[in-house]
Amino acid sequence: MTYTSQALRAPWQVGQAYEVYTPQADTHLLAEALEDAAPCTGRDVLDLCTGTGVLALAAARRGARVSAVDSSPEAVATARANSGLDGPPVQVLRGDLFTPVKDRRFDLIVSNPPYVPAPDRRPPDRGRAQAWDAGPDGRAVLDPICAQAPHMLRPGGALLIVQSALCGTARTLTQLRCRGLDAAIVRRRQVPFGPVLRSRAGWLETRGLISPGESMEELVIIRAERTR
């Protein structure tokens, strides 16, 4: 299945040299939600867990002032290279989630965080798996984002985040709503399991996260607005 979006036209192939997560179905789905969001011109946007920086560049082309954050030095180098090659400048920072921008507030936060359930209790701190493995329930990064994002938004601001239904869509919605955001699912898409999920299908079955023989994953975009 092929997904296309005018937003995703950065030369993300730069990331291949650094073993950085390249845009896939989840990135494209989030880009579509970004295109549907309020106009970006003059707004402050944060791309959290930026990877190749393709979503940051998509927002910058729409006139936003964009900052991008990733904990991976390879991802930071890739995002900076892509920004230099294609389009308006993006401030790319290395650090853990919101730490590099903790004193700032944003009109829009977009994030494609690690969310794949993994046998290892501690998510990896290096290598390509850092971009997707997120502990046994897939929420090692999602939960901190839900806890911190409401404080990083200006009144009227919004969070756009993508995740797999395997790691608990209702839990994300509940956490965001309990912190005062108006949260709802705005997009869904069924996609075939990729190599990572196929390789751990047996483990996912024993965890009760998938049914025997299941081979499709639901991707979900959640939009959470700070209305006050």
C-alpha atoms as a PDB file:
ATOM      1  CA  MET A   1       0.000   0.000   0.000  1.00  0.00           C
ATOM      2  CA  THR A   2       1.371   3.426  -0.926  1.00  0.00           C
ATOM      3  CA  TYR A   3       0.573   6.682   0.816  1.00  0.00           C
ATOM      4  CA  THR A   4       1.203  10.051  -0.776  1.00  0.00           C
ATOM      5  CA  SER A   5       1.145  13.534   0.685  1.00  0.00           C
ATOM      6  CA  GLN A   6       2.328  16.864  -0.630  1.00  0.00           C
ATOM      7  CA  ALA A   7       3.699  17.523   2.855  1.00  0.00           C
ATOM      8  CA  LEU A   8       6.238  14.711   2.582  1.00  0.00           C
ATOM      9  CA  ARG A   9       8.675  15.828  -0.054  1.00  0.00           C
ATOM     10  CA  ALA A  10      11.833  16.240   2.013  1.00  0.00           C
ATOM     11  CA  PRO A  11      14.935  14.300   0.896  1.00  0.00           C
ATOM     12  CA  TRP A  12      14.635  11.929   3.851  1.00  0.00           C
ATOM     13  CA  GLN A  13      16.912   9.434   2.087  1.00  0.00           C
ATOM     14  CA  VAL A  14      19.691  11.302   3.912  1.00  0.00           C
ATOM     15  CA  GLY A  15      18.563   9.367   6.968  1.00  0.00           C
ATOM     16  CA  GLN A  16      19.412   6.018   5.432  1.00  0.00           C
ATOM     17  CA  ALA A  17      23.112   6.644   5.872  1.00  0.00           C
ATOM     18  CA  TYR A  18      22.594   7.158   9.606  1.00  0.00           C
ATOM     19  CA  GLU A  19      20.146   4.277  10.133  1.00  0.00           C
ATOM     20  CA  VAL A  20      17.361   6.701  11.104  1.00  0.00           C
ATOM     21  CA  TYR A  21      13.688   5.709  10.912  1.00  0.00           C
ATOM     22  CA  THR A  22      12.425   6.630   7.454  1.00  0.00           C
ATOM     23  CA  PRO A  23       8.870   7.933   6.923  1.00  0.00           C
ATOM     24  CA  GLN A  24       6.304   5.176   6.735  1.00  0.00           C
ATOM     25  CA  ALA A  25       2.514   4.836   6.979  1.00  0.00           C
ATOM     26  CA  ASP A  26       2.345   6.452  10.420  1.00  0.00           C
ATOM     27  CA  THR A  27       4.341   9.472   9.227  1.00  0.00           C
ATOM     28  CA  HIS A  28       2.087   9.886   6.191  1.00  0.00           C
ATOM     29  CA  LEU A  29      -1.060   9.633   8.296  1.00  0.00           C
ATOM     30  CA  LEU A  30       0.248  12.286  10.672  1.00  0.00           C
ATOM     31  CA  ALA A  31       1.193  14.501   7.717  1.00  0.00           C
ATOM     32  CA  GLU A  32      -2.391  14.284   6.463  1.00  0.00           C
ATOM     33  CA  ALA A  33      -3.650  15.378   9.884  1.00  0.00           C
ATOM     34  CA  LEU A  34      -1.144  18.231   9.858  1.00  0.00           C
ATOM     35  CA  GLU A  35      -2.480  19.377   6.491  1.00  0.00           C
ATOM     36  CA  ASP A  36      -5.993  19.402   7.980  1.00  0.00           C
ATOM     37  CA  ALA A  37      -4.918  21.367  11.062  1.00  0.00           C
ATOM     38  CA  ALA A  38      -5.320  25.102  11.510  1.00  0.00           C
ATOM     39  CA  PRO A  39      -3.055  27.304   9.326  1.00  0.00           C
ATOM     40  CA  CYS A  40       0.555  27.268  10.487  1.00  0.00           C
ATOM     41  CA  THR A  41       1.604  30.724   9.253  1.00  0.00           C
ATOM     42  CA  GLY A  42       3.253  32.615  12.091  1.00  0.00           C
ATOM     43  CA  ARG A  43       2.610  29.822  14.602  1.00  0.00           C
ATOM     44  CA  ASP A  44       5.173  28.138  16.833  1.00  0.00           C
ATOM     45  CA  VAL A  45       5.286  24.396  16.091  1.00  0.00           C
ATOM     46  CA  LEU A  46       7.213  21.613  17.814  1.00  0.00           C
ATOM     47  CA  ASP A  47       7.998  18.309  16.094  1.00  0.00           C
ATOM     48  CA  LEU A  48       8.728  15.885  18.929  1.00  0.00           C
ATOM     49  CA  CYS A  49      10.702  12.711  18.104  1.00  0.00           C
ATOM     50  CA  THR A  50      11.444  14.263  14.724  1.00  0.00           C
ATOM     51  CA  GLY A  51      13.505  11.476  13.121  1.00  0.00           C
ATOM     52  CA  THR A  52      14.383  12.661   9.619  1.00  0.00           C
ATOM     53  CA  GLY A  53      12.637  16.003  10.229  1.00  0.00           C
ATOM     54  CA  VAL A  54      10.109  15.513   7.435  1.00  0.00           C
ATOM     55  CA  LEU A  55       7.109  16.651   9.511  1.00  0.00           C
ATOM     56  CA  ALA A  56       9.033  19.642  10.825  1.00  0.00           C
ATOM     57  CA  LEU A  57       9.805  20.661   7.253  1.00  0.00           C
ATOM     58  CA  ALA A  58       6.163  20.196   6.266  1.00  0.00           C
ATOM     59  CA  ALA A  59       5.112  22.644   8.987  1.00  0.00           C
ATOM     60  CA  ALA A  60       7.896  25.085   8.110  1.00  0.00           C
ATOM     61  CA  ARG A  61       6.754  25.169   4.476  1.00  0.00           C
ATOM     62  CA  ARG A  62       3.357  26.279   5.725  1.00  0.00           C
ATOM     63  CA  GLY A  63       4.929  29.322   7.353  1.00  0.00           C
ATOM     64  CA  ALA A  64       5.412  28.073  10.904  1.00  0.00           C
ATOM     65  CA  ARG A  65       8.365  28.770  13.175  1.00  0.00           C
ATOM     66  CA  VAL A  66       9.444  25.189  13.827  1.00  0.00           C
ATOM     67  CA  SER A  67      11.569  23.499  16.437  1.00  0.00           C
ATOM     68  CA  ALA A  68      12.324  19.776  16.246  1.00  0.00           C
ATOM     69  CA  VAL A  69      13.600  17.532  19.030  1.00  0.00           C
ATOM     70  CA  ASP A  70      15.032  14.023  19.079  1.00  0.00           C
ATOM     71  CA  SER A  71      17.166  12.092  21.568  1.00  0.00           C
ATOM     72  CA  SER A  72      19.115  10.316  18.825  1.00  0.00           C
ATOM     73  CA  PRO A  73      22.266  12.108  17.623  1.00  0.00           C
ATOM     74  CA  GLU A  74      21.858  10.379  14.249  1.00  0.00           C
ATOM     75  CA  ALA A  75      18.300  11.685  13.910  1.00  0.00           C
ATOM     76  CA  VAL A  76      19.369  15.200  14.859  1.00  0.00           C
ATOM     77  CA  ALA A  77      22.145  15.128  12.248  1.00  0.00           C
ATOM     78  CA  THR A  78      19.702  13.820   9.649  1.00  0.00           C
ATOM     79  CA  ALA A  79      17.009  16.402  10.391  1.00  0.00           C
ATOM     80  CA  ARG A  80      19.577  19.202  10.216  1.00  0.00           C
ATOM     81  CA  ALA A  81      20.900  17.889   6.922  1.00  0.00           C
ATOM     82  CA  ASN A  82      17.411  17.618   5.449  1.00  0.00           C
ATOM     83  CA  SER A  83      16.546  21.118   6.618  1.00  0.00           C
ATOM     84  CA  GLY A  84      19.662  22.464   4.963  1.00  0.00           C
ATOM     85  CA  LEU A  85      18.903  20.632   1.724  1.00  0.00           C
ATOM     86  CA  ASP A  86      15.234  21.371   1.332  1.00  0.00           C
ATOM     87  CA  GLY A  87      13.316  24.398   2.347  1.00  0.00           C
ATOM     88  CA  PRO A  88      12.954  26.822   5.238  1.00  0.00           C
ATOM     89  CA  PRO A  89      15.164  26.508   8.311  1.00  0.00           C
ATOM     90  CA  VAL A  90      14.141  24.368  11.267  1.00  0.00           C
ATOM     91  CA  GLN A  91      15.718  24.578  14.715  1.00  0.00           C
ATOM     92  CA  VAL A  92      16.782  21.006  15.500  1.00  0.00           C
ATOM     93  CA  LEU A  93      17.679  20.178  19.097  1.00  0.00           C
ATOM     94  CA  ARG A  94      18.919  17.033  20.802  1.00  0.00           C
ATOM     95  CA  GLY A  95      17.417  15.972  24.109  1.00  0.00           C
ATOM     96  CA  ASP A  96      14.834  13.954  25.981  1.00  0.00           C
ATOM     97  CA  LEU A  97      11.300  14.893  24.883  1.00  0.00           C
ATOM     98  CA  PHE A  98      10.450  18.436  26.014  1.00  0.00           C
ATOM     99  CA  THR A  99      13.665  19.087  27.967  1.00  0.00           C
ATOM    100  CA  PRO A 100      15.396  21.227  25.288  1.00  0.00           C
ATOM    101  CA  VAL A 101      12.315  23.504  25.015  1.00  0.00           C
ATOM    102  CA  LYS A 102      11.020  23.311  28.583  1.00  0.00           C
ATOM    103  CA  ASP A 103      10.728  27.098  28.961  1.00  0.00           C
ATOM    104  CA  ARG A 104       8.733  27.576  25.745  1.00  0.00           C
ATOM    105  CA  ARG A 105       5.093  27.102  24.713  1.00  0.00           C
ATOM    106  CA  PHE A 106       3.712  26.085  21.328  1.00  0.00           C
ATOM    107  CA  ASP A 107       0.623  26.518  19.185  1.00  0.00           C
ATOM    108  CA  LEU A 108       0.975  23.022  17.750  1.00  0.00           C
ATOM    109  CA  ILE A 109       2.908  19.922  18.763  1.00  0.00           C
ATOM    110  CA  VAL A 110       3.201  16.999  16.344  1.00  0.00           C
ATOM    111  CA  SER A 111       4.731  13.707  17.405  1.00  0.00           C
ATOM    112  CA  ASN A 112       5.425  10.272  15.977  1.00  0.00           C
ATOM    113  CA  PRO A 113       6.955   8.688  19.088  1.00  0.00           C
ATOM    114  CA  PRO A 114       8.148   5.131  19.684  1.00  0.00           C
ATOM    115  CA  TYR A 115       5.034   3.048  20.444  1.00  0.00           C
ATOM    116  CA  VAL A 116       5.722  -0.570  19.457  1.00  0.00           C
ATOM    117  CA  PRO A 117       5.375  -3.062  22.341  1.00  0.00           C
ATOM    118  CA  ALA A 118       8.683  -4.829  22.930  1.00  0.00           C
ATOM    119  CA  PRO A 119       9.848  -7.665  25.194  1.00  0.00           C
ATOM    120  CA  ASP A 120      12.610  -5.584  26.774  1.00  0.00           C
ATOM    121  CA  ARG A 121      11.377  -3.585  29.750  1.00  0.00           C
ATOM    122  CA  ARG A 122      13.816  -0.741  29.097  1.00  0.00           C
ATOM    123  CA  PRO A 123      13.591   0.886  25.640  1.00  0.00           C
ATOM    124  CA  PRO A 124      16.903   0.984  23.733  1.00  0.00           C
ATOM    125  CA  ASP A 125      19.003   4.131  23.945  1.00  0.00           C
ATOM    126  CA  ARG A 126      20.761   3.634  20.607  1.00  0.00           C
ATOM    127  CA  GLY A 127      20.265   2.063  17.191  1.00  0.00           C
ATOM    128  CA  ARG A 128      17.251   2.116  14.884  1.00  0.00           C
ATOM    129  CA  ALA A 129      15.031   0.297  17.395  1.00  0.00           C
ATOM    130  CA  GLN A 130      15.192   3.436  19.533  1.00  0.00           C
ATOM    131  CA  ALA A 131      12.691   4.911  17.059  1.00  0.00           C
ATOM    132  CA  TRP A 132       9.996   2.272  17.676  1.00  0.00           C
ATOM    133  CA  ASP A 133      10.521   0.026  20.737  1.00  0.00           C
ATOM    134  CA  ALA A 134       8.658   1.372  23.778  1.00  0.00           C
ATOM    135  CA  GLY A 135       8.560  -1.265  26.508  1.00  0.00           C
ATOM    136  CA  PRO A 136       6.157  -4.181  27.056  1.00  0.00           C
ATOM    137  CA  ASP A 137       2.988  -2.061  26.735  1.00  0.00           C
ATOM    138  CA  GLY A 138       4.348   0.331  24.091  1.00  0.00           C
ATOM    139  CA  ARG A 139       3.795   3.328  26.342  1.00  0.00           C
ATOM    140  CA  ALA A 140       7.280   4.185  27.625  1.00  0.00           C
ATOM    141  CA  VAL A 141       7.220   7.427  25.611  1.00  0.00           C
ATOM    142  CA  LEU A 142       3.480   7.937  25.098  1.00  0.00           C
ATOM    143  CA  ASP A 143       2.763   8.290  28.820  1.00  0.00           C
ATOM    144  CA  PRO A 144       5.391  11.026  29.423  1.00  0.00           C
ATOM    145  CA  ILE A 145       4.125  12.911  26.369  1.00  0.00           C
ATOM    146  CA  CYS A 146       0.549  12.752  27.676  1.00  0.00           C
ATOM    147  CA  ALA A 147       1.755  14.037  31.046  1.00  0.00           C
ATOM    148  CA  GLN A 148       3.887  16.893  29.747  1.00  0.00           C
ATOM    149  CA  ALA A 149       2.275  18.085  26.506  1.00  0.00           C
ATOM    150  CA  PRO A 150      -0.649  19.960  28.134  1.00  0.00           C
ATOM    151  CA  HIS A 151       1.829  22.251  29.911  1.00  0.00           C
ATOM    152  CA  MET A 152       3.689  22.935  26.662  1.00  0.00           C
ATOM    153  CA  LEU A 153       0.644  24.213  24.748  1.00  0.00           C
ATOM    154  CA  ARG A 154      -0.597  27.767  24.592  1.00  0.00           C
ATOM    155  CA  PRO A 155      -4.333  28.350  25.086  1.00  0.00           C
ATOM    156  CA  GLY A 156      -5.965  27.245  21.856  1.00  0.00           C
ATOM    157  CA  GLY A 157      -2.992  25.062  20.989  1.00  0.00           C
ATOM    158  CA  ALA A 158      -3.178  21.426  19.944  1.00  0.00           C
ATOM    159  CA  LEU A 159      -1.258  18.164  20.059  1.00  0.00           C
ATOM    160  CA  LEU A 160      -1.300  15.782  17.081  1.00  0.00           C
ATOM    161  CA  ILE A 161       0.090  12.364  17.940  1.00  0.00           C
ATOM    162  CA  VAL A 162       0.145   9.028  16.127  1.00  0.00           C
ATOM    163  CA  GLN A 163       0.160   5.634  17.797  1.00  0.00           C
ATOM    164  CA  SER A 164      -0.829   2.025  17.293  1.00  0.00           C
ATOM    165  CA  ALA A 165      -4.082   0.744  18.729  1.00  0.00           C
ATOM    166  CA  LEU A 166      -1.952  -2.069  20.190  1.00  0.00           C
ATOM    167  CA  CYS A 167      -0.725   0.265  22.921  1.00  0.00           C
ATOM    168  CA  GLY A 168      -4.085   1.531  24.123  1.00  0.00           C
ATOM    169  CA  THR A 169      -5.879   4.352  22.345  1.00  0.00           C
ATOM    170  CA  ALA A 170      -8.393   4.751  25.183  1.00  0.00           C
ATOM    171  CA  ARG A 171      -5.571   5.161  27.679  1.00  0.00           C
ATOM    172  CA  THR A 172      -4.079   8.032  25.678  1.00  0.00           C
ATOM    173  CA  LEU A 173      -7.442   9.765  25.352  1.00  0.00           C
ATOM    174  CA  THR A 174      -8.155   9.380  29.075  1.00  0.00           C
ATOM    175  CA  GLN A 175      -4.769  10.736  30.136  1.00  0.00           C
ATOM    176  CA  LEU A 176      -5.055  13.781  27.885  1.00  0.00           C
ATOM    177  CA  ARG A 177      -8.640  14.514  28.939  1.00  0.00           C
ATOM    178  CA  CYS A 178      -7.757  14.175  32.612  1.00  0.00           C
ATOM    179  CA  ARG A 179      -5.147  16.882  32.078  1.00  0.00           C
ATOM    180  CA  GLY A 180      -7.675  19.295  30.649  1.00  0.00           C
ATOM    181  CA  LEU A 181      -7.347  18.724  26.918  1.00  0.00           C
ATOM    182  CA  ASP A 182     -10.229  18.112  24.526  1.00  0.00           C
ATOM    183  CA  ALA A 183      -9.000  14.891  22.896  1.00  0.00           C
ATOM    184  CA  ALA A 184     -10.470  12.845  20.061  1.00  0.00           C
ATOM    185  CA  ILE A 185      -9.427  10.440  17.320  1.00  0.00           C
ATOM    186  CA  VAL A 186      -9.300  12.278  14.001  1.00  0.00           C
ATOM    187  CA  ARG A 187      -7.882   9.595  11.690  1.00  0.00           C
ATOM    188  CA  ARG A 188      -7.573   5.804  11.583  1.00  0.00           C
ATOM    189  CA  ARG A 189      -5.912   3.498   9.112  1.00  0.00           C
ATOM    190  CA  GLN A 190      -5.392  -0.258   8.915  1.00  0.00           C
ATOM    191  CA  VAL A 191      -1.954  -1.299   7.682  1.00  0.00           C
ATOM    192  CA  PRO A 192      -0.252  -4.698   7.355  1.00  0.00           C
ATOM    193  CA  PHE A 193       2.242  -5.672  10.024  1.00  0.00           C
ATOM    194  CA  GLY A 194       5.732  -4.559   9.150  1.00  0.00           C
ATOM    195  CA  PRO A 195       8.870  -6.626   9.763  1.00  0.00           C
ATOM    196  CA  VAL A 196       9.102  -5.686  13.463  1.00  0.00           C
ATOM    197  CA  LEU A 197       5.563  -6.737  14.369  1.00  0.00           C
ATOM    198  CA  ARG A 198       5.787  -9.861  12.213  1.00  0.00           C
ATOM    199  CA  SER A 199       8.970 -10.887  14.000  1.00  0.00           C
ATOM    200  CA  ARG A 200       7.337 -10.665  17.435  1.00  0.00           C
ATOM    201  CA  ALA A 201       3.810 -11.835  16.574  1.00  0.00           C
ATOM    202  CA  GLY A 202       4.135 -14.865  18.869  1.00  0.00           C
ATOM    203  CA  TRP A 203       5.135 -12.688  21.810  1.00  0.00           C
ATOM    204  CA  LEU A 204       2.287 -10.250  21.076  1.00  0.00           C
ATOM    205  CA  GLU A 205      -0.148 -13.184  21.106  1.00  0.00           C
ATOM    206  CA  THR A 206       1.099 -14.386  24.499  1.00  0.00           C
ATOM    207  CA  ARG A 207       0.639 -10.850  25.822  1.00  0.00           C
ATOM    208  CA  GLY A 208      -2.935 -10.805  24.537  1.00  0.00           C
ATOM    209  CA  LEU A 209      -2.222  -7.803  22.316  1.00  0.00           C
ATOM    210  CA  ILE A 210      -3.191  -9.578  19.089  1.00  0.00           C
ATOM    211  CA  SER A 211      -5.298 -12.591  18.167  1.00  0.00           C
ATOM    212  CA  PRO A 212      -3.740 -15.731  16.654  1.00  0.00           C
ATOM    213  CA  GLY A 213      -3.021 -15.140  12.981  1.00  0.00           C
ATOM    214  CA  GLU A 214      -3.704 -11.391  13.187  1.00  0.00           C
ATOM    215  CA  SER A 215      -1.629  -9.462  10.650  1.00  0.00           C
ATOM    216  CA  MET A 216      -3.125  -5.940  10.465  1.00  0.00           C
ATOM    217  CA  GLU A 217      -2.396  -2.996  12.719  1.00  0.00           C
ATOM    218  CA  GLU A 218      -4.625   0.030  13.273  1.00  0.00           C
ATOM    219  CA  LEU A 219      -2.833   3.371  13.300  1.00  0.00           C
ATOM    220  CA  VAL A 220      -4.603   6.219  15.062  1.00  0.00           C
ATOM    221  CA  ILE A 221      -4.151   9.984  15.059  1.00  0.00           C
ATOM    222  CA  ILE A 222      -5.273  11.748  18.231  1.00  0.00           C
ATOM    223  CA  ARG A 223      -5.828  15.497  18.303  1.00  0.00           C
ATOM    224  CA  ALA A 224      -5.898  17.092  21.749  1.00  0.00           C
ATOM    225  CA  GLU A 225      -6.704  20.798  22.116  1.00  0.00           C
ATOM    226  CA  ARG A 226      -6.099  23.121  25.025  1.00  0.00           C
ATOM    227  CA  THR A 227      -9.341  25.032  25.004  1.00  0.00           C
ATOM    228  CA  ARG A 228      -8.588  27.165  28.057  1.00  0.00           C
END
